[in-house]
PDB file of N, CA and C in Angstrom:
ATOM      1  N   MET A   1    -152.588  19.583 -87.344  1.00  0.00           N
ATOM      2  CA  MET A   1    -152.898  18.892 -88.584  1.00  0.00           C
ATOM      3  C   MET A   1    -152.330  19.684 -89.749  1.00  0.00           C
ATOM      4  N   ARG A   2    -151.979  18.961 -90.785  1.00  0.00           N
ATOM      5  CA  ARG A   2    -151.454  19.615 -91.975  1.00  0.00           C
ATOM      6  C   ARG A   2    -152.568  20.342 -92.715  1.00  0.00           C
ATOM      7  N   MET A   3    -152.164  21.442 -93.345  1.00  0.00           N
ATOM      8  CA  MET A   3    -153.122  22.191 -94.155  1.00  0.00           C
ATOM      9  C   MET A   3    -153.615  21.285 -95.278  1.00  0.00           C
ATOM     10  N   GLY A   4    -154.882  21.239 -95.510  1.00  0.00           N
ATOM     11  CA  GLY A   4    -155.444  20.410 -96.556  1.00  0.00           C
ATOM     12  C   GLY A   4    -155.773  18.995 -96.113  1.00  0.00           C
ATOM     13  N   SER A   5    -155.426  18.644 -94.884  1.00  0.00           N
ATOM     14  CA  SER A   5    -155.775  17.319 -94.367  1.00  0.00           C
ATOM     15  C   SER A   5    -157.279  17.251 -94.149  1.00  0.00           C
ATOM     16  N   PRO A   6    -157.867  16.084 -94.379  1.00  0.00           N
ATOM     17  CA  PRO A   6    -159.312  15.981 -94.144  1.00  0.00           C
ATOM     18  C   PRO A   6    -159.648  16.153 -92.663  1.00  0.00           C
ATOM     19  N   VAL A   7    -160.738  16.812 -92.404  1.00  0.00           N
ATOM     20  CA  VAL A   7    -161.194  17.047 -91.036  1.00  0.00           C
ATOM     21  C   VAL A   7    -162.050  15.875 -90.563  1.00  0.00           C
ATOM     22  N   VAL A   8    -162.754  15.262 -91.501  1.00  0.00           N
ATOM     23  CA  VAL A   8    -163.634  14.130 -91.217  1.00  0.00           C
ATOM     24  C   VAL A   8    -163.407  13.079 -92.297  1.00  0.00           C
ATOM     25  N   SER A   9    -163.480  11.826 -91.896  1.00  0.00           N
ATOM     26  CA  SER A   9    -163.343  10.718 -92.838  1.00  0.00           C
ATOM     27  C   SER A   9    -164.619   9.894 -92.806  1.00  0.00           C
ATOM     28  N   SER A  10    -165.039   9.437 -93.970  1.00  0.00           N
ATOM     29  CA  SER A  10    -166.233   8.596 -94.041  1.00  0.00           C
ATOM     30  C   SER A  10    -166.051   7.585 -95.166  1.00  0.00           C
ATOM     31  N   THR A  11    -165.828   6.331 -94.791  1.00  0.00           N
ATOM     32  CA  THR A  11    -165.714   5.250 -95.764  1.00  0.00           C
ATOM     33  C   THR A  11    -166.524   4.058 -95.255  1.00  0.00           C
ATOM     34  N   PRO A  12    -167.102   3.294 -96.163  1.00  0.00           N
ATOM     35  CA  PRO A  12    -167.915   2.155 -95.736  1.00  0.00           C
ATOM     36  C   PRO A  12    -167.150   1.138 -94.882  1.00  0.00           C
ATOM     37  N   GLU A  13    -165.835   1.065 -95.064  1.00  0.00           N
ATOM     38  CA  GLU A  13    -165.031   0.087 -94.334  1.00  0.00           C
ATOM     39  C   GLU A  13    -164.803   0.464 -92.869  1.00  0.00           C
ATOM     40  N   VAL A  14    -165.003   1.721 -92.533  1.00  0.00           N
ATOM     41  CA  VAL A  14    -164.770   2.186 -91.160  1.00  0.00           C
ATOM     42  C   VAL A  14    -166.104   2.618 -90.561  1.00  0.00           C
ATOM     43  N   MET A  15    -166.547   1.895 -89.563  1.00  0.00           N
ATOM     44  CA  MET A  15    -167.786   2.214 -88.845  1.00  0.00           C
ATOM     45  C   MET A  15    -168.980   2.342 -89.792  1.00  0.00           C
ATOM     46  N   GLY A  16    -168.969   1.560 -90.873  1.00  0.00           N
ATOM     47  CA  GLY A  16    -170.096   1.557 -91.804  1.00  0.00           C
ATOM     48  C   GLY A  16    -170.345   2.885 -92.488  1.00  0.00           C
ATOM     49  N   GLY A  17    -169.314   3.722 -92.583  1.00  0.00           N
ATOM     50  CA  GLY A  17    -169.460   5.017 -93.245  1.00  0.00           C
ATOM     51  C   GLY A  17    -169.802   6.167 -92.322  1.00  0.00           C
ATOM     52  N   THR A  18    -169.941   5.893 -91.031  1.00  0.00           N
ATOM     53  CA  THR A  18    -170.191   6.958 -90.057  1.00  0.00           C
ATOM     54  C   THR A  18    -169.029   7.950 -90.102  1.00  0.00           C
ATOM     55  N   PRO A  19    -169.283   9.250 -90.150  1.00  0.00           N
ATOM     56  CA  PRO A  19    -168.184  10.225 -90.147  1.00  0.00           C
ATOM     57  C   PRO A  19    -167.350  10.105 -88.867  1.00  0.00           C
ATOM     58  N   VAL A  20    -166.043   9.913 -89.050  1.00  0.00           N
ATOM     59  CA  VAL A  20    -165.118   9.749 -87.930  1.00  0.00           C
ATOM     60  C   VAL A  20    -163.955  10.719 -88.075  1.00  0.00           C
ATOM     61  N   PHE A  21    -163.213  10.883 -86.987  1.00  0.00           N
ATOM     62  CA  PHE A  21    -161.970  11.641 -87.073  1.00  0.00           C
ATOM     63  C   PHE A  21    -160.982  10.813 -87.883  1.00  0.00           C
ATOM     64  N   PRO A  22    -160.264  11.427 -88.827  1.00  0.00           N
ATOM     65  CA  PRO A  22    -159.352  10.680 -89.697  1.00  0.00           C
ATOM     66  C   PRO A  22    -158.347   9.832 -88.915  1.00  0.00           C
ATOM     67  N   GLY A  23    -158.155   8.609 -89.391  1.00  0.00           N
ATOM     68  CA  GLY A  23    -157.199   7.710 -88.770  1.00  0.00           C
ATOM     69  C   GLY A  23    -157.694   7.069 -87.488  1.00  0.00           C
ATOM     70  N   THR A  24    -158.977   7.266 -87.168  1.00  0.00           N
ATOM     71  CA  THR A  24    -159.556   6.702 -85.939  1.00  0.00           C
ATOM     72  C   THR A  24    -160.870   6.015 -86.280  1.00  0.00           C
ATOM     73  N   ARG A  25    -161.462   5.428 -85.283  1.00  0.00           N
ATOM     74  CA  ARG A  25    -162.811   4.870 -85.393  1.00  0.00           C
ATOM     75  C   ARG A  25    -163.760   5.640 -84.467  1.00  0.00           C
ATOM     76  N   VAL A  26    -163.397   6.872 -84.166  1.00  0.00           N
ATOM     77  CA  VAL A  26    -164.179   7.696 -83.236  1.00  0.00           C
ATOM     78  C   VAL A  26    -165.115   8.614 -84.033  1.00  0.00           C
ATOM     79  N   PRO A  27    -166.419   8.397 -83.930  1.00  0.00           N
ATOM     80  CA  PRO A  27    -167.364   9.256 -84.644  1.00  0.00           C
ATOM     81  C   PRO A  27    -167.280  10.712 -84.168  1.00  0.00           C
ATOM     82  N   VAL A  28    -167.361  11.638 -85.109  1.00  0.00           N
ATOM     83  CA  VAL A  28    -167.338  13.055 -84.737  1.00  0.00           C
ATOM     84  C   VAL A  28    -168.566  13.404 -83.897  1.00  0.00           C
ATOM     85  N   GLN A  29    -169.654  12.678 -84.082  1.00  0.00           N
ATOM     86  CA  GLN A  29    -170.857  12.912 -83.277  1.00  0.00           C
ATOM     87  C   GLN A  29    -170.574  12.722 -81.795  1.00  0.00           C
ATOM     88  N   THR A  30    -169.622  11.855 -81.472  1.00  0.00           N
ATOM     89  CA  THR A  30    -169.281  11.620 -80.069  1.00  0.00           C
ATOM     90  C   THR A  30    -168.748  12.900 -79.433  1.00  0.00           C
ATOM     91  N   LEU A  31    -167.918  13.641 -80.161  1.00  0.00           N
ATOM     92  CA  LEU A  31    -167.431  14.928 -79.647  1.00  0.00           C
ATOM     93  C   LEU A  31    -168.603  15.868 -79.411  1.00  0.00           C
ATOM     94  N   LEU A  32    -169.496  15.954 -80.369  1.00  0.00           N
ATOM     95  CA  LEU A  32    -170.649  16.846 -80.219  1.00  0.00           C
ATOM     96  C   LEU A  32    -171.508  16.437 -79.029  1.00  0.00           C
ATOM     97  N   ASP A  33    -171.671  15.139 -78.829  1.00  0.00           N
ATOM     98  CA  ASP A  33    -172.438  14.655 -77.674  1.00  0.00           C
ATOM     99  C   ASP A  33    -171.770  15.066 -76.365  1.00  0.00           C
ATOM    100  N   TYR A  34    -170.447  14.937 -76.302  1.00  0.00           N
ATOM    101  CA  TYR A  34    -169.708  15.345 -75.101  1.00  0.00           C
ATOM    102  C   TYR A  34    -169.923  16.829 -74.828  1.00  0.00           C
ATOM    103  N   LEU A  35    -169.732  17.650 -75.856  1.00  0.00           N
ATOM    104  CA  LEU A  35    -169.848  19.098 -75.671  1.00  0.00           C
ATOM    105  C   LEU A  35    -171.274  19.493 -75.297  1.00  0.00           C
ATOM    106  N   GLU A  36    -172.247  18.856 -75.923  1.00  0.00           N
ATOM    107  CA  GLU A  36    -173.652  19.147 -75.611  1.00  0.00           C
ATOM    108  C   GLU A  36    -173.984  18.789 -74.163  1.00  0.00           C
ATOM    109  N   ALA A  37    -173.328  17.765 -73.642  1.00  0.00           N
ATOM    110  CA  ALA A  37    -173.561  17.333 -72.262  1.00  0.00           C
ATOM    111  C   ALA A  37    -172.821  18.201 -71.245  1.00  0.00           C
ATOM    112  N   GLY A  38    -172.031  19.164 -71.741  1.00  0.00           N
ATOM    113  CA  GLY A  38    -171.308  20.051 -70.837  1.00  0.00           C
ATOM    114  C   GLY A  38    -169.898  19.603 -70.519  1.00  0.00           C
ATOM    115  N   ASP A  39    -169.457  18.522 -71.156  1.00  0.00           N
ATOM    116  CA  ASP A  39    -168.084  18.065 -70.955  1.00  0.00           C
ATOM    117  C   ASP A  39    -167.128  18.959 -71.736  1.00  0.00           C
ATOM    118  N   THR A  40    -165.862  18.910 -71.363  1.00  0.00           N
ATOM    119  CA  THR A  40    -164.850  19.730 -72.022  1.00  0.00           C
ATOM    120  C   THR A  40    -164.143  18.933 -73.115  1.00  0.00           C
ATOM    121  N   ILE A  41    -163.409  19.646 -73.938  1.00  0.00           N
ATOM    122  CA  ILE A  41    -162.579  18.983 -74.942  1.00  0.00           C
ATOM    123  C   ILE A  41    -161.575  18.069 -74.255  1.00  0.00           C
ATOM    124  N   ASP A  42    -161.011  18.513 -73.145  1.00  0.00           N
ATOM    125  CA  ASP A  42    -160.064  17.664 -72.411  1.00  0.00           C
ATOM    126  C   ASP A  42    -160.729  16.374 -71.932  1.00  0.00           C
ATOM    127  N   ASP A  43    -161.978  16.453 -71.486  1.00  0.00           N
ATOM    128  CA  ASP A  43    -162.713  15.246 -71.088  1.00  0.00           C
ATOM    129  C   ASP A  43    -162.817  14.281 -72.271  1.00  0.00           C
ATOM    130  N   PHE A  44    -163.185  14.825 -73.412  1.00  0.00           N
ATOM    131  CA  PHE A  44    -163.314  14.010 -74.622  1.00  0.00           C
ATOM    132  C   PHE A  44    -161.980  13.370 -74.988  1.00  0.00           C
ATOM    133  N   LEU A  45    -160.924  14.175 -75.012  1.00  0.00           N
ATOM    134  CA  LEU A  45    -159.609  13.658 -75.392  1.00  0.00           C
ATOM    135  C   LEU A  45    -159.120  12.583 -74.427  1.00  0.00           C
ATOM    136  N   ALA A  46    -159.444  12.724 -73.157  1.00  0.00           N
ATOM    137  CA  ALA A  46    -159.045  11.711 -72.168  1.00  0.00           C
ATOM    138  C   ALA A  46    -159.729  10.372 -72.457  1.00  0.00           C
ATOM    139  N   GLY A  47    -160.936  10.427 -72.960  1.00  0.00           N
ATOM    140  CA  GLY A  47    -161.677   9.208 -73.255  1.00  0.00           C
ATOM    141  C   GLY A  47    -161.354   8.598 -74.603  1.00  0.00           C
ATOM    142  N   PHE A  48    -160.769   9.395 -75.486  1.00  0.00           N
ATOM    143  CA  PHE A  48    -160.492   8.940 -76.849  1.00  0.00           C
ATOM    144  C   PHE A  48    -159.077   9.356 -77.253  1.00  0.00           C
ATOM    145  N   PRO A  49    -158.076   8.647 -76.738  1.00  0.00           N
ATOM    146  CA  PRO A  49    -156.681   9.050 -76.959  1.00  0.00           C
ATOM    147  C   PRO A  49    -156.210   8.963 -78.408  1.00  0.00           C
ATOM    148  N   THR A  50    -156.966   8.311 -79.284  1.00  0.00           N
ATOM    149  CA  THR A  50    -156.558   8.270 -80.691  1.00  0.00           C
ATOM    150  C   THR A  50    -156.903   9.562 -81.419  1.00  0.00           C
ATOM    151  N   VAL A  51    -157.728  10.387 -80.810  1.00  0.00           N
ATOM    152  CA  VAL A  51    -158.080  11.688 -81.391  1.00  0.00           C
ATOM    153  C   VAL A  51    -157.142  12.732 -80.796  1.00  0.00           C
ATOM    154  N   THR A  52    -156.603  13.593 -81.650  1.00  0.00           N
ATOM    155  CA  THR A  52    -155.704  14.642 -81.173  1.00  0.00           C
ATOM    156  C   THR A  52    -156.464  15.952 -80.984  1.00  0.00           C
ATOM    157  N   ARG A  53    -155.870  16.830 -80.212  1.00  0.00           N
ATOM    158  CA  ARG A  53    -156.447  18.167 -80.043  1.00  0.00           C
ATOM    159  C   ARG A  53    -156.539  18.858 -81.408  1.00  0.00           C
ATOM    160  N   ALA A  54    -155.547  18.628 -82.264  1.00  0.00           N
ATOM    161  CA  ALA A  54    -155.567  19.227 -83.603  1.00  0.00           C
ATOM    162  C   ALA A  54    -156.781  18.750 -84.397  1.00  0.00           C
ATOM    163  N   HIS A  55    -157.134  17.465 -84.270  1.00  0.00           N
ATOM    164  CA  HIS A  55    -158.349  16.953 -84.921  1.00  0.00           C
ATOM    165  C   HIS A  55    -159.570  17.747 -84.462  1.00  0.00           C
ATOM    166  N   VAL A  56    -159.695  17.896 -83.147  1.00  0.00           N
ATOM    167  CA  VAL A  56    -160.866  18.559 -82.561  1.00  0.00           C
ATOM    168  C   VAL A  56    -160.930  20.020 -82.993  1.00  0.00           C
ATOM    169  N   VAL A  57    -159.813  20.715 -82.895  1.00  0.00           N
ATOM    170  CA  VAL A  57    -159.779  22.131 -83.264  1.00  0.00           C
ATOM    171  C   VAL A  57    -160.128  22.299 -84.741  1.00  0.00           C
ATOM    172  N   ALA A  58    -159.551  21.472 -85.604  1.00  0.00           N
ATOM    173  CA  ALA A  58    -159.835  21.574 -87.037  1.00  0.00           C
ATOM    174  C   ALA A  58    -161.315  21.321 -87.315  1.00  0.00           C
ATOM    175  N   PHE A  59    -161.890  20.334 -86.641  1.00  0.00           N
ATOM    176  CA  PHE A  59    -163.309  20.024 -86.823  1.00  0.00           C
ATOM    177  C   PHE A  59    -164.184  21.196 -86.388  1.00  0.00           C
ATOM    178  N   LEU A  60    -163.898  21.749 -85.224  1.00  0.00           N
ATOM    179  CA  LEU A  60    -164.699  22.871 -84.717  1.00  0.00           C
ATOM    180  C   LEU A  60    -164.515  24.121 -85.574  1.00  0.00           C
ATOM    181  N   GLU A  61    -163.290  24.379 -86.028  1.00  0.00           N
ATOM    182  CA  GLU A  61    -163.055  25.538 -86.899  1.00  0.00           C
ATOM    183  C   GLU A  61    -163.805  25.385 -88.213  1.00  0.00           C
ATOM    184  N   ARG A  62    -163.780  24.186 -88.774  1.00  0.00           N
ATOM    185  CA  ARG A  62    -164.486  23.941 -90.035  1.00  0.00           C
ATOM    186  C   ARG A  62    -165.993  24.120 -89.840  1.00  0.00           C
ATOM    187  N   GLY A  63    -166.509  23.605 -88.741  1.00  0.00           N
ATOM    188  CA  GLY A  63    -167.931  23.767 -88.448  1.00  0.00           C
ATOM    189  C   GLY A  63    -168.316  25.223 -88.279  1.00  0.00           C
ATOM    190  N   ALA A  64    -167.469  25.983 -87.597  1.00  0.00           N
ATOM    191  CA  ALA A  64    -167.737  27.411 -87.403  1.00  0.00           C
ATOM    192  C   ALA A  64    -167.717  28.140 -88.738  1.00  0.00           C
ATOM    193  N   ALA A  65    -166.756  27.798 -89.588  1.00  0.00           N
ATOM    194  CA  ALA A  65    -166.663  28.444 -90.901  1.00  0.00           C
ATOM    195  C   ALA A  65    -167.900  28.133 -91.740  1.00  0.00           C
ATOM    196  N   LEU A  66    -168.368  26.903 -91.685  1.00  0.00           N
ATOM    197  CA  LEU A  66    -169.578  26.539 -92.430  1.00  0.00           C
ATOM    198  C   LEU A  66    -170.804  27.259 -91.889  1.00  0.00           C
ATOM    199  N   ALA A  67    -170.878  27.413 -90.574  1.00  0.00           N
ATOM    200  CA  ALA A  67    -172.013  28.108 -89.965  1.00  0.00           C
ATOM    201  C   ALA A  67    -172.054  29.566 -90.401  1.00  0.00           C
ATOM    202  N   VAL A  68    -170.893  30.197 -90.452  1.00  0.00           N
ATOM    203  CA  VAL A  68    -170.820  31.601 -90.870  1.00  0.00           C
ATOM    204  C   VAL A  68    -171.197  31.723 -92.340  1.00  0.00           C
ATOM    205  N   THR A  69    -170.707  30.805 -93.163  1.00  0.00           N
ATOM    206  CA  THR A  69    -171.015  30.823 -94.591  1.00  0.00           C
ATOM    207  C   THR A  69    -172.508  30.619 -94.821  1.00  0.00           C
ATOM    208  N   ASP A  70    -173.095  29.671 -94.097  1.00  0.00           N
ATOM    209  CA  ASP A  70    -174.524  29.400 -94.249  1.00  0.00           C
ATOM    210  C   ASP A  70    -175.386  30.563 -93.771  1.00  0.00           C
ATOM    211  N   ALA A  71    -174.895  31.308 -92.783  1.00  0.00           N
ATOM    212  CA  ALA A  71    -175.658  32.427 -92.231  1.00  0.00           C
ATOM    213  C   ALA A  71    -175.626  33.645 -93.152  1.00  0.00           C
ATOM    214  N   ALA A  72    -174.642  33.691 -94.029  1.00  0.00           N
ATOM    215  CA  ALA A  72    -174.484  34.864 -94.911  1.00  0.00           C
ATOM    216  C   ALA A  72    -175.470  34.857 -96.052  1.00  0.00           C
TER     217      ALA A  72
END
């Protein structure tokens, strides 16, 4: 993904405003559900081909950065 690209998109026109991966209709919560269930990123990507590995990595990196910031 390009630097400065949004990691998550949320607009009322797409999935009623549910946070999704940009350019898709795939809710980011779906990735979290997969990971919580013990599935791998590859499992998730196989089920949702409109989401790229770059989307997933950027989302997880952003989440990790926020967690570290909040913990400080």
